Amino acid sequence: VNISCDTLCQSQIYVNFQNRSPSNLFFVFIFKHIFVYFRGYKMANKKCMKHIFARMIFDSRGNPTVEVDLITDLGLFRAAVPSGASTGIHEALELRDEILTDYHGKGVSKAISNINDIIAPELLKKEFDVTQQREIDEFMMELDGTPNLSRFGANAILGISLVVCKAGAAKRGVPLYKHIADLAGNTTLILPVPAFNVINGGSHAGNKLAMQEFMILPTGATSFTEAMKMGSETYHHLKNVIKAKSAVALRMVVLEPYNREPDNITYGCLHIYNTGNSVFWKSPK
């Protein structure tokens, strides 16, 4: 039996024997297990994160946002950062360029530069494993050093955190939802229920509704497919309900579906309630 260290590192074994005597087969068995051990040790101790790169993309509203690529031993992973139309005073800072001549001040070149020039090099130096989600997140927040992540921008840090989470799930060989549940210590998993945004107010619409979003959840569905059907049909039925009660033509927007409701929050609540009761979908309870 001829096995070299180089052969072990290259995940190959060459066995050369003339007769399959018990002694030869025994040595083959032993060296095979040694090979498996060293291969597993090598994979477990590989530098998993090789390269991190950020770029600008456009969100569903046509505004710039951040996309991050992470290259590991398992391949390429990619994540995009969501961006809201309105932000609260206690939210982490979404870093924008604030150059009015570029994308009306909503450019993200600062956040991208912070990733490519500062965060990524420092993160790669630490040689974290992609399964160390908490350690990576805490390291980035400490590197930023501000309460609201205003130095690097929450959109920079979140982009890396999201792509690391995807890579961590892949390395563990589990679905992303299971990986996130494990990180949160959640052992009870249930089928998710889609939430449908049917009426918008606040910054999302030109009305005086106090609530930003009215949402419905088809909790009576027996499958995800049925839940989508319930939500879709209820949403489109809502248009007719509001027309009948207020005689207001509604504007249905593909970009972010919402109905422009009259300036009275009571109407919004009433219309949703009536729709839920008038549509043929009924909860089994």
C-alpha atoms as a PDB file:
ATOM      1  CA  VAL A   1       0.000   0.000   0.000  1.00  0.00           C
ATOM      2  CA  ASN A   2       1.558   3.290  -1.119  1.00  0.00           C
ATOM      3  CA  ILE A   3       0.033   6.484   0.308  1.00  0.00           C
ATOM      4  CA  SER A   4       1.789   9.836   0.455  1.00  0.00           C
ATOM      5  CA  CYS A   5       0.912  12.958   2.418  1.00  0.00           C
ATOM      6  CA  ASP A   6       0.463  14.857  -0.842  1.00  0.00           C
ATOM      7  CA  THR A   7      -1.981  12.225  -1.964  1.00  0.00           C
ATOM      8  CA  LEU A   8      -3.993  12.671   1.219  1.00  0.00           C
ATOM      9  CA  CYS A   9      -4.125  16.423   0.744  1.00  0.00           C
ATOM     10  CA  GLN A  10      -5.332  16.000  -2.822  1.00  0.00           C
ATOM     11  CA  SER A  11      -8.118  13.688  -1.661  1.00  0.00           C
ATOM     12  CA  GLN A  12      -6.759  10.737  -3.638  1.00  0.00           C
ATOM     13  CA  ILE A  13      -5.501   7.313  -2.587  1.00  0.00           C
ATOM     14  CA  TYR A  14      -3.465   4.965  -4.725  1.00  0.00           C
ATOM     15  CA  VAL A  15      -3.368   1.369  -3.598  1.00  0.00           C
ATOM     16  CA  ASN A  16      -1.015  -1.054  -5.257  1.00  0.00           C
ATOM     17  CA  PHE A  17      -1.008  -4.656  -4.268  1.00  0.00           C
ATOM     18  CA  GLN A  18      -0.744  -7.911  -6.232  1.00  0.00           C
ATOM     19  CA  ASN A  19      -2.962 -10.122  -4.141  1.00  0.00           C
ATOM     20  CA  ARG A  20      -5.960  -9.322  -1.996  1.00  0.00           C
ATOM     21  CA  SER A  21      -4.660 -11.014   1.128  1.00  0.00           C
ATOM     22  CA  PRO A  22      -6.297 -10.264   4.475  1.00  0.00           C
ATOM     23  CA  SER A  23      -3.251  -8.289   5.586  1.00  0.00           C
ATOM     24  CA  ASN A  24      -3.355  -6.065   2.512  1.00  0.00           C
ATOM     25  CA  LEU A  25      -7.081  -5.488   2.872  1.00  0.00           C
ATOM     26  CA  PHE A  26      -6.536  -4.594   6.524  1.00  0.00           C
ATOM     27  CA  PHE A  27      -3.992  -1.927   5.593  1.00  0.00           C
ATOM     28  CA  VAL A  28      -6.332  -0.581   2.929  1.00  0.00           C
ATOM     29  CA  PHE A  29      -9.065  -0.298   5.552  1.00  0.00           C
ATOM     30  CA  ILE A  30      -6.790   1.523   8.015  1.00  0.00           C
ATOM     31  CA  PHE A  31      -5.367   3.982   5.508  1.00  0.00           C
ATOM     32  CA  LYS A  32      -8.790   4.674   4.049  1.00  0.00           C
ATOM     33  CA  HIS A  33     -10.015   5.810   7.442  1.00  0.00           C
ATOM     34  CA  ILE A  34      -6.874   7.873   7.972  1.00  0.00           C
ATOM     35  CA  PHE A  35      -7.538   9.541   4.635  1.00  0.00           C
ATOM     36  CA  VAL A  36     -11.155  10.300   5.564  1.00  0.00           C
ATOM     37  CA  TYR A  37     -10.008  11.782   8.872  1.00  0.00           C
ATOM     38  CA  PHE A  38      -7.423  14.070   7.283  1.00  0.00           C
ATOM     39  CA  ARG A  39      -9.811  15.133   4.527  1.00  0.00           C
ATOM     40  CA  GLY A  40     -12.444  16.060   7.102  1.00  0.00           C
ATOM     41  CA  TYR A  41      -9.844  17.892   9.176  1.00  0.00           C
ATOM     42  CA  LYS A  42      -8.682  19.832   6.152  1.00  0.00           C
ATOM     43  CA  MET A  43     -12.222  20.826   5.126  1.00  0.00           C
ATOM     44  CA  ALA A  44     -13.116  21.830   8.676  1.00  0.00           C
ATOM     45  CA  ASN A  45     -10.047  24.065   8.917  1.00  0.00           C
ATOM     46  CA  LYS A  46     -10.221  25.670   5.498  1.00  0.00           C
ATOM     47  CA  LYS A  47     -10.375  29.427   5.300  1.00  0.00           C
ATOM     48  CA  CYS A  48     -14.005  29.577   4.298  1.00  0.00           C
ATOM     49  CA  MET A  49     -14.423  33.255   3.362  1.00  0.00           C
ATOM     50  CA  LYS A  50     -12.165  34.058   0.428  1.00  0.00           C
ATOM     51  CA  HIS A  51     -13.522  37.261  -1.080  1.00  0.00           C
ATOM     52  CA  ILE A  52     -16.221  39.859  -0.350  1.00  0.00           C
ATOM     53  CA  PHE A  53     -17.324  42.371  -2.946  1.00  0.00           C
ATOM     54  CA  ALA A  54     -20.135  44.953  -2.972  1.00  0.00           C
ATOM     55  CA  ARG A  55     -21.823  46.715  -5.881  1.00  0.00           C
ATOM     56  CA  MET A  56     -24.788  48.983  -6.537  1.00  0.00           C
ATOM     57  CA  ILE A  57     -28.068  47.611  -7.854  1.00  0.00           C
ATOM     58  CA  PHE A  58     -31.573  49.074  -8.092  1.00  0.00           C
ATOM     59  CA  ASP A  59     -34.481  48.164  -5.846  1.00  0.00           C
ATOM     60  CA  SER A  60     -38.120  47.775  -6.897  1.00  0.00           C
ATOM     61  CA  ARG A  61     -38.637  51.546  -6.692  1.00  0.00           C
ATOM     62  CA  GLY A  62     -35.715  52.278  -8.993  1.00  0.00           C
ATOM     63  CA  ASN A  63     -33.516  53.524  -6.157  1.00  0.00           C
ATOM     64  CA  PRO A  64     -29.909  52.415  -5.615  1.00  0.00           C
ATOM     65  CA  THR A  65     -29.231  49.793  -2.979  1.00  0.00           C
ATOM     66  CA  VAL A  66     -26.378  47.481  -2.006  1.00  0.00           C
ATOM     67  CA  GLU A  67     -25.660  43.960  -3.230  1.00  0.00           C
ATOM     68  CA  VAL A  68     -22.885  41.838  -1.725  1.00  0.00           C
ATOM     69  CA  ASP A  69     -21.065  38.800  -3.121  1.00  0.00           C
ATOM     70  CA  LEU A  70     -19.271  36.338  -0.862  1.00  0.00           C
ATOM     71  CA  ILE A  71     -16.960  33.690  -2.305  1.00  0.00           C
ATOM     72  CA  THR A  72     -16.215  30.673  -0.129  1.00  0.00           C
ATOM     73  CA  ASP A  73     -14.931  27.141  -0.641  1.00  0.00           C
ATOM     74  CA  LEU A  74     -18.528  26.207  -1.423  1.00  0.00           C
ATOM     75  CA  GLY A  75     -18.974  28.776  -4.192  1.00  0.00           C
ATOM     76  CA  LEU A  76     -20.548  32.195  -4.697  1.00  0.00           C
ATOM     77  CA  PHE A  77     -23.289  33.601  -2.456  1.00  0.00           C
ATOM     78  CA  ARG A  78     -25.172  36.840  -3.054  1.00  0.00           C
ATOM     79  CA  ALA A  79     -27.525  39.047  -1.036  1.00  0.00           C
ATOM     80  CA  ALA A  80     -29.279  42.369  -1.673  1.00  0.00           C
ATOM     81  CA  VAL A  81     -30.205  44.903   0.989  1.00  0.00           C
ATOM     82  CA  PRO A  82     -33.883  45.932   1.223  1.00  0.00           C
ATOM     83  CA  SER A  83     -34.758  49.605   1.465  1.00  0.00           C
ATOM     84  CA  GLY A  84     -37.933  51.134   2.867  1.00  0.00           C
ATOM     85  CA  ALA A  85     -39.773  54.253   1.752  1.00  0.00           C
ATOM     86  CA  SER A  86     -39.960  55.517   5.320  1.00  0.00           C
ATOM     87  CA  THR A  87     -37.627  55.094   8.275  1.00  0.00           C
ATOM     88  CA  GLY A  88     -38.167  55.549  11.985  1.00  0.00           C
ATOM     89  CA  ILE A  89     -36.048  57.743  14.237  1.00  0.00           C
ATOM     90  CA  HIS A  90     -34.807  54.712  16.177  1.00  0.00           C
ATOM     91  CA  GLU A  91     -33.758  52.668  13.141  1.00  0.00           C
ATOM     92  CA  ALA A  92     -30.145  52.022  12.214  1.00  0.00           C
ATOM     93  CA  LEU A  93     -28.878  54.540   9.677  1.00  0.00           C
ATOM     94  CA  GLU A  94     -29.189  53.716   5.992  1.00  0.00           C
ATOM     95  CA  LEU A  95     -26.135  55.462   4.577  1.00  0.00           C
ATOM     96  CA  ARG A  96     -26.827  57.486   1.422  1.00  0.00           C
ATOM     97  CA  ASP A  97     -24.431  59.697  -0.539  1.00  0.00           C
ATOM     98  CA  GLU A  98     -26.735  62.745  -0.286  1.00  0.00           C
ATOM     99  CA  ILE A  99     -25.413  64.124  -3.572  1.00  0.00           C
ATOM    100  CA  LEU A 100     -28.523  65.610  -5.148  1.00  0.00           C
ATOM    101  CA  THR A 101     -27.132  65.412  -8.683  1.00  0.00           C
ATOM    102  CA  ASP A 102     -26.711  61.631  -8.359  1.00  0.00           C
ATOM    103  CA  TYR A 103     -29.891  59.596  -7.947  1.00  0.00           C
ATOM    104  CA  HIS A 104     -31.512  62.524  -6.099  1.00  0.00           C
ATOM    105  CA  GLY A 105     -29.157  62.023  -3.191  1.00  0.00           C
ATOM    106  CA  LYS A 106     -29.929  58.320  -2.781  1.00  0.00           C
ATOM    107  CA  GLY A 107     -26.665  56.915  -4.097  1.00  0.00           C
ATOM    108  CA  VAL A 108     -24.904  54.222  -2.059  1.00  0.00           C
ATOM    109  CA  SER A 109     -21.285  54.606  -3.181  1.00  0.00           C
ATOM    110  CA  LYS A 110     -20.226  55.455   0.388  1.00  0.00           C
ATOM    111  CA  ALA A 111     -21.733  52.252   1.771  1.00  0.00           C
ATOM    112  CA  ILE A 112     -20.183  50.208  -1.040  1.00  0.00           C
ATOM    113  CA  SER A 113     -16.779  51.784  -0.461  1.00  0.00           C
ATOM    114  CA  ASN A 114     -17.058  51.027   3.255  1.00  0.00           C
ATOM    115  CA  ILE A 115     -17.603  47.361   2.441  1.00  0.00           C
ATOM    116  CA  ASN A 116     -14.905  46.952  -0.201  1.00  0.00           C
ATOM    117  CA  ASP A 117     -12.238  49.134   1.414  1.00  0.00           C
ATOM    118  CA  ILE A 118     -12.765  48.696   5.153  1.00  0.00           C
ATOM    119  CA  ILE A 119     -15.177  46.020   6.368  1.00  0.00           C
ATOM    120  CA  ALA A 120     -14.266  43.219   3.946  1.00  0.00           C
ATOM    121  CA  PRO A 121     -10.473  43.402   4.466  1.00  0.00           C
ATOM    122  CA  GLU A 122     -10.840  43.511   8.244  1.00  0.00           C
ATOM    123  CA  LEU A 123     -13.357  40.681   8.226  1.00  0.00           C
ATOM    124  CA  LEU A 124     -11.192  38.433   6.064  1.00  0.00           C
ATOM    125  CA  LYS A 125      -8.238  39.005   8.389  1.00  0.00           C
ATOM    126  CA  LYS A 126     -10.204  37.471  11.254  1.00  0.00           C
ATOM    127  CA  GLU A 127     -10.718  34.235   9.272  1.00  0.00           C
ATOM    128  CA  PHE A 128     -14.204  33.685  10.643  1.00  0.00           C
ATOM    129  CA  ASP A 129     -16.162  30.645   9.587  1.00  0.00           C
ATOM    130  CA  VAL A 130     -19.437  31.474   7.836  1.00  0.00           C
ATOM    131  CA  THR A 131     -21.348  29.604  10.537  1.00  0.00           C
ATOM    132  CA  GLN A 132     -20.152  32.138  13.139  1.00  0.00           C
ATOM    133  CA  GLN A 133     -23.029  34.513  12.448  1.00  0.00           C
ATOM    134  CA  ARG A 134     -23.163  36.136  15.872  1.00  0.00           C
ATOM    135  CA  GLU A 135     -19.401  36.664  16.047  1.00  0.00           C
ATOM    136  CA  ILE A 136     -19.314  38.198  12.561  1.00  0.00           C
ATOM    137  CA  ASP A 137     -22.242  40.537  13.268  1.00  0.00           C
ATOM    138  CA  GLU A 138     -20.767  41.646  16.580  1.00  0.00           C
ATOM    139  CA  PHE A 139     -17.364  42.223  14.988  1.00  0.00           C
ATOM    140  CA  MET A 140     -18.851  44.477  12.301  1.00  0.00           C
ATOM    141  CA  MET A 141     -20.868  46.467  14.833  1.00  0.00           C
ATOM    142  CA  GLU A 142     -17.790  46.933  17.021  1.00  0.00           C
ATOM    143  CA  LEU A 143     -15.787  47.976  13.969  1.00  0.00           C
ATOM    144  CA  ASP A 144     -18.448  50.595  13.189  1.00  0.00           C
ATOM    145  CA  GLY A 145     -18.463  51.795  16.777  1.00  0.00           C
ATOM    146  CA  THR A 146     -21.661  53.869  16.636  1.00  0.00           C
ATOM    147  CA  PRO A 147     -25.058  53.165  18.243  1.00  0.00           C
ATOM    148  CA  ASN A 148     -26.962  53.422  14.952  1.00  0.00           C
ATOM    149  CA  LEU A 149     -24.258  52.108  12.577  1.00  0.00           C
ATOM    150  CA  SER A 150     -23.840  55.577  11.087  1.00  0.00           C
ATOM    151  CA  ARG A 151     -20.130  55.182  10.304  1.00  0.00           C
ATOM    152  CA  PHE A 152     -20.387  52.378   7.759  1.00  0.00           C
ATOM    153  CA  GLY A 153     -24.149  52.372   7.282  1.00  0.00           C
ATOM    154  CA  ALA A 154     -26.655  49.709   8.218  1.00  0.00           C
ATOM    155  CA  ASN A 155     -27.070  48.931   4.519  1.00  0.00           C
ATOM    156  CA  ALA A 156     -23.375  48.002   4.360  1.00  0.00           C
ATOM    157  CA  ILE A 157     -23.328  45.828   7.478  1.00  0.00           C
ATOM    158  CA  LEU A 158     -26.667  44.184   6.717  1.00  0.00           C
ATOM    159  CA  GLY A 159     -25.522  43.207   3.230  1.00  0.00           C
ATOM    160  CA  ILE A 160     -22.585  41.242   4.607  1.00  0.00           C
ATOM    161  CA  SER A 161     -24.665  39.756   7.406  1.00  0.00           C
ATOM    162  CA  LEU A 162     -27.285  38.489   4.937  1.00  0.00           C
ATOM    163  CA  VAL A 163     -24.796  36.884   2.577  1.00  0.00           C
ATOM    164  CA  VAL A 164     -22.920  35.256   5.471  1.00  0.00           C
ATOM    165  CA  CYS A 165     -26.211  33.791   6.664  1.00  0.00           C
ATOM    166  CA  LYS A 166     -26.825  32.226   3.246  1.00  0.00           C
ATOM    167  CA  ALA A 167     -23.313  30.790   3.148  1.00  0.00           C
ATOM    168  CA  GLY A 168     -23.659  29.468   6.690  1.00  0.00           C
ATOM    169  CA  ALA A 169     -26.827  27.592   5.785  1.00  0.00           C
ATOM    170  CA  ALA A 170     -25.114  26.079   2.749  1.00  0.00           C
ATOM    171  CA  LYS A 171     -22.105  24.941   4.758  1.00  0.00           C
ATOM    172  CA  ARG A 172     -24.351  23.287   7.337  1.00  0.00           C
ATOM    173  CA  GLY A 173     -26.387  21.706   4.569  1.00  0.00           C
ATOM    174  CA  VAL A 174     -29.717  23.011   5.868  1.00  0.00           C
ATOM    175  CA  PRO A 175     -32.383  25.327   4.387  1.00  0.00           C
ATOM    176  CA  LEU A 176     -31.953  29.017   5.145  1.00  0.00           C
ATOM    177  CA  TYR A 177     -35.060  29.150   7.356  1.00  0.00           C
ATOM    178  CA  LYS A 178     -33.722  26.248   9.446  1.00  0.00           C
ATOM    179  CA  HIS A 179     -30.332  27.917   9.802  1.00  0.00           C
ATOM    180  CA  ILE A 180     -31.957  31.163  10.966  1.00  0.00           C
ATOM    181  CA  ALA A 181     -34.181  29.270  13.396  1.00  0.00           C
ATOM    182  CA  ASP A 182     -31.134  27.490  14.833  1.00  0.00           C
ATOM    183  CA  LEU A 183     -29.295  30.786  15.243  1.00  0.00           C
ATOM    184  CA  ALA A 184     -32.304  32.125  17.145  1.00  0.00           C
ATOM    185  CA  GLY A 185     -32.616  28.968  19.246  1.00  0.00           C
ATOM    186  CA  ASN A 186     -36.080  28.320  17.851  1.00  0.00           C
ATOM    187  CA  THR A 187     -36.854  24.603  17.816  1.00  0.00           C
ATOM    188  CA  THR A 188     -40.525  24.945  16.885  1.00  0.00           C
ATOM    189  CA  LEU A 189     -41.031  25.486  13.159  1.00  0.00           C
ATOM    190  CA  ILE A 190     -44.390  25.976  11.470  1.00  0.00           C
ATOM    191  CA  LEU A 191     -45.478  26.637   7.897  1.00  0.00           C
ATOM    192  CA  PRO A 192     -45.148  30.391   7.302  1.00  0.00           C
ATOM    193  CA  VAL A 193     -48.289  32.380   6.580  1.00  0.00           C
ATOM    194  CA  PRO A 194     -47.934  35.033   3.846  1.00  0.00           C
ATOM    195  CA  ALA A 195     -48.880  38.561   4.904  1.00  0.00           C
ATOM    196  CA  PHE A 196     -50.696  40.611   2.252  1.00  0.00           C
ATOM    197  CA  ASN A 197     -50.391  44.383   2.228  1.00  0.00           C
ATOM    198  CA  VAL A 198     -53.788  45.563   0.959  1.00  0.00           C
ATOM    199  CA  ILE A 199     -54.130  49.231   1.975  1.00  0.00           C
ATOM    200  CA  ASN A 200     -51.316  51.729   2.433  1.00  0.00           C
ATOM    201  CA  GLY A 201     -51.125  54.967   4.340  1.00  0.00           C
ATOM    202  CA  GLY A 202     -48.483  57.284   5.729  1.00  0.00           C
ATOM    203  CA  SER A 203     -45.439  57.835   3.504  1.00  0.00           C
ATOM    204  CA  HIS A 204     -46.575  55.129   1.094  1.00  0.00           C
ATOM    205  CA  ALA A 205     -49.730  56.872  -0.116  1.00  0.00           C
ATOM    206  CA  GLY A 206     -51.251  60.310  -0.546  1.00  0.00           C
ATOM    207  CA  ASN A 207     -53.757  60.113   2.275  1.00  0.00           C
ATOM    208  CA  LYS A 208     -54.055  60.840   5.981  1.00  0.00           C
ATOM    209  CA  LEU A 209     -54.310  57.300   7.260  1.00  0.00           C
ATOM    210  CA  ALA A 210     -52.439  56.973  10.527  1.00  0.00           C
ATOM    211  CA  MET A 211     -51.385  53.407   9.738  1.00  0.00           C
ATOM    212  CA  GLN A 212     -48.695  52.798   7.146  1.00  0.00           C
ATOM    213  CA  GLU A 213     -49.952  49.365   6.151  1.00  0.00           C
ATOM    214  CA  PHE A 214     -53.113  47.305   6.571  1.00  0.00           C
ATOM    215  CA  MET A 215     -52.257  43.648   6.174  1.00  0.00           C
ATOM    216  CA  ILE A 216     -54.255  40.420   6.102  1.00  0.00           C
ATOM    217  CA  LEU A 217     -53.075  36.931   7.044  1.00  0.00           C
ATOM    218  CA  PRO A 218     -54.962  33.884   5.704  1.00  0.00           C
ATOM    219  CA  THR A 219     -54.552  31.869   8.898  1.00  0.00           C
ATOM    220  CA  GLY A 220     -57.332  29.460   7.937  1.00  0.00           C
ATOM    221  CA  ALA A 221     -55.435  28.070   4.942  1.00  0.00           C
ATOM    222  CA  THR A 222     -54.491  24.401   4.921  1.00  0.00           C
ATOM    223  CA  SER A 223     -51.530  24.892   2.559  1.00  0.00           C
ATOM    224  CA  PHE A 224     -49.293  27.681   1.321  1.00  0.00           C
ATOM    225  CA  THR A 225     -50.896  27.449  -2.118  1.00  0.00           C
ATOM    226  CA  GLU A 226     -54.351  27.933  -0.642  1.00  0.00           C
ATOM    227  CA  ALA A 227     -53.070  30.831   1.466  1.00  0.00           C
ATOM    228  CA  MET A 228     -51.788  32.594  -1.650  1.00  0.00           C
ATOM    229  CA  LYS A 229     -55.117  32.030  -3.395  1.00  0.00           C
ATOM    230  CA  MET A 230     -57.028  33.429  -0.429  1.00  0.00           C
ATOM    231  CA  GLY A 231     -54.830  36.497  -0.204  1.00  0.00           C
ATOM    232  CA  SER A 232     -54.894  37.203  -3.929  1.00  0.00           C
ATOM    233  CA  GLU A 233     -58.666  36.902  -4.282  1.00  0.00           C
ATOM    234  CA  THR A 234     -59.343  38.910  -1.124  1.00  0.00           C
ATOM    235  CA  TYR A 235     -57.000  41.679  -2.246  1.00  0.00           C
ATOM    236  CA  HIS A 236     -58.674  42.061  -5.629  1.00  0.00           C
ATOM    237  CA  HIS A 237     -62.152  41.808  -4.090  1.00  0.00           C
ATOM    238  CA  LEU A 238     -61.260  44.666  -1.761  1.00  0.00           C
ATOM    239  CA  LYS A 239     -61.211  47.073  -4.709  1.00  0.00           C
ATOM    240  CA  ASN A 240     -64.893  46.437  -5.386  1.00  0.00           C
ATOM    241  CA  VAL A 241     -65.785  46.783  -1.706  1.00  0.00           C
ATOM    242  CA  ILE A 242     -64.110  50.180  -1.402  1.00  0.00           C
ATOM    243  CA  LYS A 243     -65.652  51.381  -4.670  1.00  0.00           C
ATOM    244  CA  ALA A 244     -69.105  50.420  -3.468  1.00  0.00           C
ATOM    245  CA  LYS A 245     -68.688  52.232  -0.153  1.00  0.00           C
ATOM    246  CA  SER A 246     -66.785  55.344  -1.167  1.00  0.00           C
ATOM    247  CA  ALA A 247     -67.169  55.618  -4.957  1.00  0.00           C
ATOM    248  CA  VAL A 248     -63.469  56.433  -5.150  1.00  0.00           C
ATOM    249  CA  ALA A 249     -61.460  55.157  -8.110  1.00  0.00           C
ATOM    250  CA  LEU A 250     -58.487  53.255  -6.822  1.00  0.00           C
ATOM    251  CA  ARG A 251     -55.045  53.178  -8.235  1.00  0.00           C
ATOM    252  CA  MET A 252     -53.574  49.664  -8.253  1.00  0.00           C
ATOM    253  CA  VAL A 253     -49.781  49.780  -8.358  1.00  0.00           C
ATOM    254  CA  VAL A 254     -47.678  46.846  -9.497  1.00  0.00           C
ATOM    255  CA  LEU A 255     -44.518  48.243  -7.920  1.00  0.00           C
ATOM    256  CA  GLU A 256     -45.834  48.068  -4.376  1.00  0.00           C
ATOM    257  CA  PRO A 257     -49.521  47.099  -4.443  1.00  0.00           C
ATOM    258  CA  TYR A 258     -51.695  49.404  -2.413  1.00  0.00           C
ATOM    259  CA  ASN A 259     -55.068  51.092  -2.574  1.00  0.00           C
ATOM    260  CA  ARG A 260     -55.349  54.828  -2.058  1.00  0.00           C
ATOM    261  CA  GLU A 261     -58.030  54.938   0.577  1.00  0.00           C
ATOM    262  CA  PRO A 262     -60.177  57.981   1.583  1.00  0.00           C
ATOM    263  CA  ASP A 263     -58.779  60.134   4.360  1.00  0.00           C
ATOM    264  CA  ASN A 264     -60.454  58.294   7.180  1.00  0.00           C
ATOM    265  CA  ILE A 265     -58.827  55.453   9.059  1.00  0.00           C
ATOM    266  CA  THR A 266     -62.232  54.080  10.059  1.00  0.00           C
ATOM    267  CA  TYR A 267     -63.043  53.376   6.428  1.00  0.00           C
ATOM    268  CA  GLY A 268     -59.853  51.400   6.007  1.00  0.00           C
ATOM    269  CA  CYS A 269     -60.594  49.155   8.963  1.00  0.00           C
ATOM    270  CA  LEU A 270     -64.246  48.769   7.965  1.00  0.00           C
ATOM    271  CA  HIS A 271     -63.468  47.863   4.375  1.00  0.00           C
ATOM    272  CA  ILE A 272     -60.967  45.202   5.342  1.00  0.00           C
ATOM    273  CA  TYR A 273     -63.387  43.744   7.866  1.00  0.00           C
ATOM    274  CA  ASN A 274     -66.251  43.642   5.372  1.00  0.00           C
ATOM    275  CA  THR A 275     -64.043  42.130   2.698  1.00  0.00           C
ATOM    276  CA  GLY A 276     -62.911  39.378   5.007  1.00  0.00           C
ATOM    277  CA  ASN A 277     -66.510  38.538   5.820  1.00  0.00           C
ATOM    278  CA  SER A 278     -68.019  38.948   2.368  1.00  0.00           C
ATOM    279  CA  VAL A 279     -65.459  36.933   0.446  1.00  0.00           C
ATOM    280  CA  PHE A 280     -66.253  33.230   0.266  1.00  0.00           C
ATOM    281  CA  TRP A 281     -63.054  32.355   2.158  1.00  0.00           C
ATOM    282  CA  LYS A 282     -63.943  31.476   5.714  1.00  0.00           C
ATOM    283  CA  SER A 283     -61.732  30.292   8.539  1.00  0.00           C
ATOM    284  CA  PRO A 284     -62.561  26.740   9.694  1.00  0.00           C
ATOM    285  CA  LYS A 285     -62.749  28.139  13.219  1.00  0.00           C
END
